[in-house]
Amino acid sequence: MNIRPLGERVVIKKVEKENVTASGIVLPDTAKEESNLAEVVAISEELLNHKEIKVDLKVKDKVIYSKYAGSEVEMDGEKVIVIKYQDLLAVIG
């Protein structure tokens, strides 16, 4: 997949939650809450070269994003989300 976001945007891919609880109970897909944890796939050049915004983000970083932010797109059979940098809440790790 070759995607290059424009403006102050980032492309992320959702990281799916475990289907098994800590006690070993298997949860069906209908009982799962949608995760807002993702992995960074691409960062726009404009954002990386921005003089006023210090971007402390790299490809493959795990991030938490706003629940209803971004646009979901399917490319090469994979679903990704194109999101504004401001809608990223935290970097994990």
PDB file of N, CA and C in Angstrom:
ATOM      1  N   MET A   1       0.841  -1.165   0.000  1.00  0.00           N
ATOM      2  CA  MET A   1       0.000   0.000   0.000  1.00  0.00           C
ATOM      3  C   MET A   1       0.891   1.234   0.000  1.00  0.00           C
ATOM      4  N   ASN A   2       0.622   2.130  -0.922  1.00  0.00           N
ATOM      5  CA  ASN A   2       1.392   3.366  -1.009  1.00  0.00           C
ATOM      6  C   ASN A   2       0.416   4.529  -0.921  1.00  0.00           C
ATOM      7  N   ILE A   3       0.340   5.137   0.243  1.00  0.00           N
ATOM      8  CA  ILE A   3      -0.585   6.247   0.457  1.00  0.00           C
ATOM      9  C   ILE A   3       0.197   7.410   1.058  1.00  0.00           C
ATOM     10  N   ARG A   4      -0.078   8.603   0.559  1.00  0.00           N
ATOM     11  CA  ARG A   4       0.621   9.803   1.017  1.00  0.00           C
ATOM     12  C   ARG A   4      -0.416  10.833   1.435  1.00  0.00           C
ATOM     13  N   PRO A   5      -0.592  11.044   2.742  1.00  0.00           N
ATOM     14  CA  PRO A   5      -1.594  12.011   3.192  1.00  0.00           C
ATOM     15  C   PRO A   5      -1.187  13.444   2.866  1.00  0.00           C
ATOM     16  N   LEU A   6      -2.181  14.306   2.702  1.00  0.00           N
ATOM     17  CA  LEU A   6      -1.957  15.711   2.379  1.00  0.00           C
ATOM     18  C   LEU A   6      -2.304  16.577   3.579  1.00  0.00           C
ATOM     19  N   GLY A   7      -1.794  17.796   3.607  1.00  0.00           N
ATOM     20  CA  GLY A   7      -2.092  18.719   4.702  1.00  0.00           C
ATOM     21  C   GLY A   7      -1.513  18.218   6.009  1.00  0.00           C
ATOM     22  N   GLU A   8      -2.185  18.530   7.100  1.00  0.00           N
ATOM     23  CA  GLU A   8      -1.728  18.087   8.426  1.00  0.00           C
ATOM     24  C   GLU A   8      -2.462  16.815   8.813  1.00  0.00           C
ATOM     25  N   ARG A   9      -2.267  15.758   8.001  1.00  0.00           N
ATOM     26  CA  ARG A   9      -2.983  14.507   8.211  1.00  0.00           C
ATOM     27  C   ARG A   9      -2.032  13.334   8.388  1.00  0.00           C
ATOM     28  N   VAL A  10      -2.584  12.298   9.010  1.00  0.00           N
ATOM     29  CA  VAL A  10      -1.855  11.063   9.291  1.00  0.00           C
ATOM     30  C   VAL A  10      -2.743   9.900   8.857  1.00  0.00           C
ATOM     31  N   VAL A  11      -2.143   8.838   8.360  1.00  0.00           N
ATOM     32  CA  VAL A  11      -2.895   7.626   8.024  1.00  0.00           C
ATOM     33  C   VAL A  11      -2.606   6.599   9.117  1.00  0.00           C
ATOM     34  N   ILE A  12      -3.687   6.029   9.678  1.00  0.00           N
ATOM     35  CA  ILE A  12      -3.545   5.033  10.746  1.00  0.00           C
ATOM     36  C   ILE A  12      -4.335   3.782  10.389  1.00  0.00           C
ATOM     37  N   LYS A  13      -3.946   2.672  11.013  1.00  0.00           N
ATOM     38  CA  LYS A  13      -4.646   1.403  10.833  1.00  0.00           C
ATOM     39  C   LYS A  13      -5.050   0.907  12.213  1.00  0.00           C
ATOM     40  N   LYS A  14      -6.324   0.561  12.385  1.00  0.00           N
ATOM     41  CA  LYS A  14      -6.822   0.108  13.680  1.00  0.00           C
ATOM     42  C   LYS A  14      -6.109  -1.151  14.142  1.00  0.00           C
ATOM     43  N   VAL A  15      -5.885  -1.225  15.453  1.00  0.00           N
ATOM     44  CA  VAL A  15      -5.349  -2.421  16.084  1.00  0.00           C
ATOM     45  C   VAL A  15      -6.525  -3.074  16.798  1.00  0.00           C
ATOM     46  N   GLU A  16      -6.830  -4.302  16.429  1.00  0.00           N
ATOM     47  CA  GLU A  16      -7.991  -4.982  17.002  1.00  0.00           C
ATOM     48  C   GLU A  16      -7.726  -5.433  18.429  1.00  0.00           C
ATOM     49  N   LYS A  17      -8.764  -5.330  19.261  1.00  0.00           N
ATOM     50  CA  LYS A  17      -8.682  -5.787  20.646  1.00  0.00           C
ATOM     51  C   LYS A  17      -8.752  -7.307  20.705  1.00  0.00           C
ATOM     52  N   GLU A  18      -8.321  -7.852  21.835  1.00  0.00           N
ATOM     53  CA  GLU A  18      -8.425  -9.290  22.078  1.00  0.00           C
ATOM     54  C   GLU A  18      -9.883  -9.710  22.143  1.00  0.00           C
ATOM     55  N   ASN A  19     -10.198 -10.908  21.660  1.00  0.00           N
ATOM     56  CA  ASN A  19     -11.549 -11.449  21.739  1.00  0.00           C
ATOM     57  C   ASN A  19     -11.762 -12.282  22.987  1.00  0.00           C
ATOM     58  N   VAL A  20     -10.757 -12.355  23.859  1.00  0.00           N
ATOM     59  CA  VAL A  20     -10.838 -13.177  25.062  1.00  0.00           C
ATOM     60  C   VAL A  20     -10.621 -12.280  26.282  1.00  0.00           C
ATOM     61  N   THR A  21     -11.483 -12.422  27.279  1.00  0.00           N
ATOM     62  CA  THR A  21     -11.331 -11.640  28.504  1.00  0.00           C
ATOM     63  C   THR A  21     -10.187 -12.199  29.336  1.00  0.00           C
ATOM     64  N   ALA A  22      -9.828 -11.491  30.405  1.00  0.00           N
ATOM     65  CA  ALA A  22      -8.747 -11.941  31.284  1.00  0.00           C
ATOM     66  C   ALA A  22      -9.070 -13.280  31.933  1.00  0.00           C
ATOM     67  N   SER A  23     -10.345 -13.562  32.138  1.00  0.00           N
ATOM     68  CA  SER A  23     -10.730 -14.832  32.759  1.00  0.00           C
ATOM     69  C   SER A  23     -10.910 -15.950  31.744  1.00  0.00           C
ATOM     70  N   GLY A  24     -10.668 -15.664  30.443  1.00  0.00           N
ATOM     71  CA  GLY A  24     -10.701 -16.713  29.428  1.00  0.00           C
ATOM     72  C   GLY A  24     -12.011 -16.830  28.671  1.00  0.00           C
ATOM     73  N   ILE A  25     -12.949 -15.917  28.879  1.00  0.00           N
ATOM     74  CA  ILE A  25     -14.232 -15.965  28.174  1.00  0.00           C
ATOM     75  C   ILE A  25     -14.055 -15.369  26.782  1.00  0.00           C
ATOM     76  N   VAL A  26     -14.504 -16.102  25.767  1.00  0.00           N
ATOM     77  CA  VAL A  26     -14.399 -15.644  24.384  1.00  0.00           C
ATOM     78  C   VAL A  26     -15.588 -14.746  24.076  1.00  0.00           C
ATOM     79  N   LEU A  27     -15.302 -13.534  23.584  1.00  0.00           N
ATOM     80  CA  LEU A  27     -16.354 -12.576  23.255  1.00  0.00           C
ATOM     81  C   LEU A  27     -16.690 -12.637  21.770  1.00  0.00           C
ATOM     82  N   PRO A  28     -17.979 -12.688  21.422  1.00  0.00           N
ATOM     83  CA  PRO A  28     -18.342 -12.624  20.005  1.00  0.00           C
ATOM     84  C   PRO A  28     -18.129 -11.214  19.460  1.00  0.00           C
ATOM     85  N   ASP A  29     -18.045 -11.080  18.138  1.00  0.00           N
ATOM     86  CA  ASP A  29     -17.809  -9.772  17.518  1.00  0.00           C
ATOM     87  C   ASP A  29     -18.889  -8.754  17.870  1.00  0.00           C
ATOM     88  N   THR A  30     -20.120  -9.209  18.093  1.00  0.00           N
ATOM     89  CA  THR A  30     -21.212  -8.281  18.406  1.00  0.00           C
ATOM     90  C   THR A  30     -21.078  -7.687  19.801  1.00  0.00           C
ATOM     91  N   ALA A  31     -20.318  -8.319  20.689  1.00  0.00           N
ATOM     92  CA  ALA A  31     -20.157  -7.831  22.058  1.00  0.00           C
ATOM     93  C   ALA A  31     -18.947  -6.926  22.219  1.00  0.00           C
ATOM     94  N   LYS A  32     -18.125  -6.829  21.177  1.00  0.00           N
ATOM     95  CA  LYS A  32     -16.916  -6.022  21.274  1.00  0.00           C
ATOM     96  C   LYS A  32     -17.213  -4.551  21.099  1.00  0.00           C
ATOM     97  N   GLU A  33     -16.530  -3.722  21.879  1.00  0.00           N
ATOM     98  CA  GLU A  33     -16.587  -2.287  21.678  1.00  0.00           C
ATOM     99  C   GLU A  33     -15.497  -1.920  20.678  1.00  0.00           C
ATOM    100  N   GLU A  34     -15.802  -0.994  19.795  1.00  0.00           N
ATOM    101  CA  GLU A  34     -14.824  -0.589  18.784  1.00  0.00           C
ATOM    102  C   GLU A  34     -13.610   0.067  19.440  1.00  0.00           C
ATOM    103  N   SER A  35     -12.444  -0.358  19.033  1.00  0.00           N
ATOM    104  CA  SER A  35     -11.194   0.147  19.601  1.00  0.00           C
ATOM    105  C   SER A  35     -10.829   1.495  18.989  1.00  0.00           C
ATOM    106  N   ASN A  36     -10.212   2.366  19.780  1.00  0.00           N
ATOM    107  CA  ASN A  36      -9.675   3.615  19.229  1.00  0.00           C
ATOM    108  C   ASN A  36      -8.155   3.626  19.378  1.00  0.00           C
ATOM    109  N   LEU A  37      -7.575   2.433  19.261  1.00  0.00           N
ATOM    110  CA  LEU A  37      -6.133   2.223  19.283  1.00  0.00           C
ATOM    111  C   LEU A  37      -5.708   1.890  17.851  1.00  0.00           C
ATOM    112  N   ALA A  38      -4.631   2.528  17.388  1.00  0.00           N
ATOM    113  CA  ALA A  38      -4.209   2.324  16.001  1.00  0.00           C
ATOM    114  C   ALA A  38      -2.692   2.409  15.869  1.00  0.00           C
ATOM    115  N   GLU A  39      -2.224   2.002  14.691  1.00  0.00           N
ATOM    116  CA  GLU A  39      -0.797   2.090  14.348  1.00  0.00           C
ATOM    117  C   GLU A  39      -0.647   3.085  13.201  1.00  0.00           C
ATOM    118  N   VAL A  40       0.361   3.945  13.285  1.00  0.00           N
ATOM    119  CA  VAL A  40       0.607   4.959  12.251  1.00  0.00           C
ATOM    120  C   VAL A  40       1.184   4.276  11.010  1.00  0.00           C
ATOM    121  N   VAL A  41       0.562   4.558   9.866  1.00  0.00           N
ATOM    122  CA  VAL A  41       0.999   3.990   8.588  1.00  0.00           C
ATOM    123  C   VAL A  41       1.782   5.017   7.773  1.00  0.00           C
ATOM    124  N   ALA A  42       1.324   6.286   7.788  1.00  0.00           N
ATOM    125  CA  ALA A  42       1.989   7.337   7.010  1.00  0.00           C
ATOM    126  C   ALA A  42       1.727   8.698   7.649  1.00  0.00           C
ATOM    127  N   ILE A  43       2.681   9.606   7.483  1.00  0.00           N
ATOM    128  CA  ILE A  43       2.582  10.971   7.996  1.00  0.00           C
ATOM    129  C   ILE A  43       2.852  11.913   6.827  1.00  0.00           C
ATOM    130  N   SER A  44       2.060  12.978   6.711  1.00  0.00           N
ATOM    131  CA  SER A  44       2.230  13.898   5.579  1.00  0.00           C
ATOM    132  C   SER A  44       3.568  14.635   5.680  1.00  0.00           C
ATOM    133  N   GLU A  45       4.146  14.938   4.525  1.00  0.00           N
ATOM    134  CA  GLU A  45       5.404  15.689   4.459  1.00  0.00           C
ATOM    135  C   GLU A  45       5.223  17.088   5.037  1.00  0.00           C
ATOM    136  N   GLU A  46       4.070  17.692   4.758  1.00  0.00           N
ATOM    137  CA  GLU A  46       3.791  19.038   5.262  1.00  0.00           C
ATOM    138  C   GLU A  46       3.833  19.057   6.787  1.00  0.00           C
ATOM    139  N   LEU A  47       3.301  18.026   7.411  1.00  0.00           N
ATOM    140  CA  LEU A  47       3.287  17.949   8.869  1.00  0.00           C
ATOM    141  C   LEU A  47       4.696  17.728   9.421  1.00  0.00           C
ATOM    142  N   LEU A  48       5.469  16.885   8.780  1.00  0.00           N
ATOM    143  CA  LEU A  48       6.839  16.618   9.233  1.00  0.00           C
ATOM    144  C   LEU A  48       7.741  17.844   9.104  1.00  0.00           C
ATOM    145  N   ASN A  49       7.468  18.682   8.083  1.00  0.00           N
ATOM    146  CA  ASN A  49       8.299  19.861   7.835  1.00  0.00           C
ATOM    147  C   ASN A  49       7.718  21.141   8.422  1.00  0.00           C
ATOM    148  N   HIS A  50       6.643  21.039   9.183  1.00  0.00           N
ATOM    149  CA  HIS A  50       5.976  22.213   9.768  1.00  0.00           C
ATOM    150  C   HIS A  50       6.873  22.837  10.834  1.00  0.00           C
ATOM    151  N   LYS A  51       7.056  24.156  10.765  1.00  0.00           N
ATOM    152  CA  LYS A  51       7.957  24.836  11.701  1.00  0.00           C
ATOM    153  C   LYS A  51       7.293  25.125  13.038  1.00  0.00           C
ATOM    154  N   GLU A  52       5.968  25.305  13.055  1.00  0.00           N
ATOM    155  CA  GLU A  52       5.269  25.670  14.288  1.00  0.00           C
ATOM    156  C   GLU A  52       4.796  24.467  15.103  1.00  0.00           C
ATOM    157  N   ILE A  53       4.611  23.328  14.450  1.00  0.00           N
ATOM    158  CA  ILE A  53       4.134  22.125  15.149  1.00  0.00           C
ATOM    159  C   ILE A  53       5.288  21.143  15.269  1.00  0.00           C
ATOM    160  N   LYS A  54       5.619  20.770  16.499  1.00  0.00           N
ATOM    161  CA  LYS A  54       6.652  19.754  16.710  1.00  0.00           C
ATOM    162  C   LYS A  54       5.960  18.387  16.703  1.00  0.00           C
ATOM    163  N   VAL A  55       6.225  17.600  15.698  1.00  0.00           N
ATOM    164  CA  VAL A  55       5.583  16.299  15.539  1.00  0.00           C
ATOM    165  C   VAL A  55       6.477  15.233  16.157  1.00  0.00           C
ATOM    166  N   ASP A  56       6.014  14.665  17.264  1.00  0.00           N
ATOM    167  CA  ASP A  56       6.747  13.594  17.938  1.00  0.00           C
ATOM    168  C   ASP A  56       6.066  12.269  17.602  1.00  0.00           C
ATOM    169  N   LEU A  57       6.130  11.900  16.320  1.00  0.00           N
ATOM    170  CA  LEU A  57       5.398  10.755  15.810  1.00  0.00           C
ATOM    171  C   LEU A  57       6.205  10.107  14.700  1.00  0.00           C
ATOM    172  N   LYS A  58       6.193   8.773  14.675  1.00  0.00           N
ATOM    173  CA  LYS A  58       6.894   8.023  13.637  1.00  0.00           C
ATOM    174  C   LYS A  58       5.962   6.954  13.095  1.00  0.00           C
ATOM    175  N   VAL A  59       6.243   6.471  11.892  1.00  0.00           N
ATOM    176  CA  VAL A  59       5.509   5.347  11.334  1.00  0.00           C
ATOM    177  C   VAL A  59       5.708   4.145  12.259  1.00  0.00           C
ATOM    178  N   LYS A  60       4.672   3.371  12.464  1.00  0.00           N
ATOM    179  CA  LYS A  60       4.600   2.183  13.329  1.00  0.00           C
ATOM    180  C   LYS A  60       4.392   2.514  14.803  1.00  0.00           C
ATOM    181  N   ASP A  61       4.295   3.808  15.166  1.00  0.00           N
ATOM    182  CA  ASP A  61       3.936   4.170  16.542  1.00  0.00           C
ATOM    183  C   ASP A  61       2.494   3.745  16.804  1.00  0.00           C
ATOM    184  N   LYS A  62       2.203   3.354  18.030  1.00  0.00           N
ATOM    185  CA  LYS A  62       0.836   3.048  18.456  1.00  0.00           C
ATOM    186  C   LYS A  62       0.246   4.336  19.028  1.00  0.00           C
ATOM    187  N   VAL A  63      -0.974   4.675  18.611  1.00  0.00           N
ATOM    188  CA  VAL A  63      -1.620   5.912  19.040  1.00  0.00           C
ATOM    189  C   VAL A  63      -3.064   5.657  19.462  1.00  0.00           C
ATOM    190  N   ILE A  64      -3.587   6.592  20.251  1.00  0.00           N
ATOM    191  CA  ILE A  64      -5.003   6.623  20.586  1.00  0.00           C
ATOM    192  C   ILE A  64      -5.578   7.833  19.867  1.00  0.00           C
ATOM    193  N   TYR A  65      -6.733   7.650  19.210  1.00  0.00           N
ATOM    194  CA  TYR A  65      -7.324   8.733  18.442  1.00  0.00           C
ATOM    195  C   TYR A  65      -8.767   8.973  18.882  1.00  0.00           C
ATOM    196  N   SER A  66      -9.302  10.138  18.544  1.00  0.00           N
ATOM    197  CA  SER A  66     -10.691  10.478  18.862  1.00  0.00           C
ATOM    198  C   SER A  66     -11.628   9.487  18.191  1.00  0.00           C
ATOM    199  N   LYS A  67     -12.634   9.084  18.915  1.00  0.00           N
ATOM    200  CA  LYS A  67     -13.507   7.996  18.478  1.00  0.00           C
ATOM    201  C   LYS A  67     -14.195   8.232  17.126  1.00  0.00           C
ATOM    202  N   TYR A  68     -14.701   9.427  16.875  1.00  0.00           N
ATOM    203  CA  TYR A  68     -15.457   9.674  15.645  1.00  0.00           C
ATOM    204  C   TYR A  68     -14.698  10.534  14.643  1.00  0.00           C
ATOM    205  N   ALA A  69     -13.383  10.526  14.705  1.00  0.00           N
ATOM    206  CA  ALA A  69     -12.561  11.362  13.832  1.00  0.00           C
ATOM    207  C   ALA A  69     -12.107  10.582  12.594  1.00  0.00           C
ATOM    208  N   GLY A  70     -11.805  11.305  11.541  1.00  0.00           N
ATOM    209  CA  GLY A  70     -11.193  10.721  10.361  1.00  0.00           C
ATOM    210  C   GLY A  70     -12.165  10.112   9.374  1.00  0.00           C
ATOM    211  N   SER A  71     -11.614   9.667   8.261  1.00  0.00           N
ATOM    212  CA  SER A  71     -12.382   9.017   7.196  1.00  0.00           C
ATOM    213  C   SER A  71     -11.784   7.642   6.944  1.00  0.00           C
ATOM    214  N   GLU A  72     -12.625   6.623   7.028  1.00  0.00           N
ATOM    215  CA  GLU A  72     -12.146   5.248   6.814  1.00  0.00           C
ATOM    216  C   GLU A  72     -12.173   4.943   5.316  1.00  0.00           C
ATOM    217  N   VAL A  73     -11.072   4.359   4.828  1.00  0.00           N
ATOM    218  CA  VAL A  73     -10.911   4.034   3.418  1.00  0.00           C
ATOM    219  C   VAL A  73     -10.353   2.623   3.318  1.00  0.00           C
ATOM    220  N   GLU A  74     -10.759   1.886   2.288  1.00  0.00           N
ATOM    221  CA  GLU A  74     -10.193   0.558   2.067  1.00  0.00           C
ATOM    222  C   GLU A  74      -9.247   0.613   0.875  1.00  0.00           C
ATOM    223  N   MET A  75      -7.993   0.185   1.114  1.00  0.00           N
ATOM    224  CA  MET A  75      -6.980   0.161   0.063  1.00  0.00           C
ATOM    225  C   MET A  75      -6.275  -1.183   0.086  1.00  0.00           C
ATOM    226  N   ASP A  76      -6.208  -1.832  -1.056  1.00  0.00           N
ATOM    227  CA  ASP A  76      -5.543  -3.128  -1.178  1.00  0.00           C
ATOM    228  C   ASP A  76      -6.077  -4.128  -0.157  1.00  0.00           C
ATOM    229  N   GLY A  77      -7.375  -4.082   0.110  1.00  0.00           N
ATOM    230  CA  GLY A  77      -7.990  -5.016   1.039  1.00  0.00           C
ATOM    231  C   GLY A  77      -7.800  -4.675   2.509  1.00  0.00           C
ATOM    232  N   GLU A  78      -7.132  -3.574   2.814  1.00  0.00           N
ATOM    233  CA  GLU A  78      -6.910  -3.149   4.199  1.00  0.00           C
ATOM    234  C   GLU A  78      -7.677  -1.868   4.466  1.00  0.00           C
ATOM    235  N   LYS A  79      -8.307  -1.785   5.645  1.00  0.00           N
ATOM    236  CA  LYS A  79      -9.001  -0.565   6.033  1.00  0.00           C
ATOM    237  C   LYS A  79      -8.040   0.335   6.796  1.00  0.00           C
ATOM    238  N   VAL A  80      -7.947   1.588   6.348  1.00  0.00           N
ATOM    239  CA  VAL A  80      -7.123   2.591   7.021  1.00  0.00           C
ATOM    240  C   VAL A  80      -7.978   3.818   7.281  1.00  0.00           C
ATOM    241  N   ILE A  81      -7.505   4.677   8.178  1.00  0.00           N
ATOM    242  CA  ILE A  81      -8.212   5.901   8.510  1.00  0.00           C
ATOM    243  C   ILE A  81      -7.286   7.084   8.230  1.00  0.00           C
ATOM    244  N   VAL A  82      -7.789   8.053   7.465  1.00  0.00           N
ATOM    245  CA  VAL A  82      -7.056   9.300   7.226  1.00  0.00           C
ATOM    246  C   VAL A  82      -7.617  10.292   8.241  1.00  0.00           C
ATOM    247  N   ILE A  83      -6.732  10.813   9.102  1.00  0.00           N
ATOM    248  CA  ILE A  83      -7.159  11.597  10.256  1.00  0.00           C
ATOM    249  C   ILE A  83      -6.312  12.849  10.384  1.00  0.00           C
ATOM    250  N   LYS A  84      -6.894  13.914  10.923  1.00  0.00           N
ATOM    251  CA  LYS A  84      -6.119  15.126  11.193  1.00  0.00           C
ATOM    252  C   LYS A  84      -5.183  14.866  12.366  1.00  0.00           C
ATOM    253  N   TYR A  85      -4.019  15.463  12.328  1.00  0.00           N
ATOM    254  CA  TYR A  85      -3.029  15.297  13.403  1.00  0.00           C
ATOM    255  C   TYR A  85      -3.610  15.720  14.751  1.00  0.00           C
ATOM    256  N   GLN A  86      -4.450  16.750  14.764  1.00  0.00           N
ATOM    257  CA  GLN A  86      -5.038  17.259  16.003  1.00  0.00           C
ATOM    258  C   GLN A  86      -5.990  16.252  16.647  1.00  0.00           C
ATOM    259  N   ASP A  87      -6.488  15.266  15.890  1.00  0.00           N
ATOM    260  CA  ASP A  87      -7.406  14.267  16.436  1.00  0.00           C
ATOM    261  C   ASP A  87      -6.688  13.083  17.073  1.00  0.00           C
ATOM    262  N   LEU A  88      -5.359  13.083  17.034  1.00  0.00           N
ATOM    263  CA  LEU A  88      -4.589  12.063  17.751  1.00  0.00           C
ATOM    264  C   LEU A  88      -4.464  12.529  19.198  1.00  0.00           C
ATOM    265  N   LEU A  89      -4.761  11.631  20.144  1.00  0.00           N
ATOM    266  CA  LEU A  89      -4.795  11.999  21.547  1.00  0.00           C
ATOM    267  C   LEU A  89      -3.514  11.660  22.296  1.00  0.00           C
ATOM    268  N   ALA A  90      -2.884  10.529  21.965  1.00  0.00           N
ATOM    269  CA  ALA A  90      -1.694  10.092  22.702  1.00  0.00           C
ATOM    270  C   ALA A  90      -0.904   9.081  21.888  1.00  0.00           C
ATOM    271  N   VAL A  91       0.396   9.025  22.185  1.00  0.00           N
ATOM    272  CA  VAL A  91       1.289   7.997  21.625  1.00  0.00           C
ATOM    273  C   VAL A  91       1.549   7.006  22.758  1.00  0.00           C
ATOM    274  N   ILE A  92       1.441   5.717  22.453  1.00  0.00           N
ATOM    275  CA  ILE A  92       1.662   4.680  23.457  1.00  0.00           C
ATOM    276  C   ILE A  92       3.080   4.157  23.329  1.00  0.00           C
ATOM    277  N   GLY A  93       3.764   4.083  24.441  1.00  0.00           N
ATOM    278  CA  GLY A  93       5.105   3.498  24.435  1.00  0.00           C
ATOM    279  C   GLY A  93       6.201   4.398  24.717  1.00  0.00           C
TER     280      GLY A  93
END
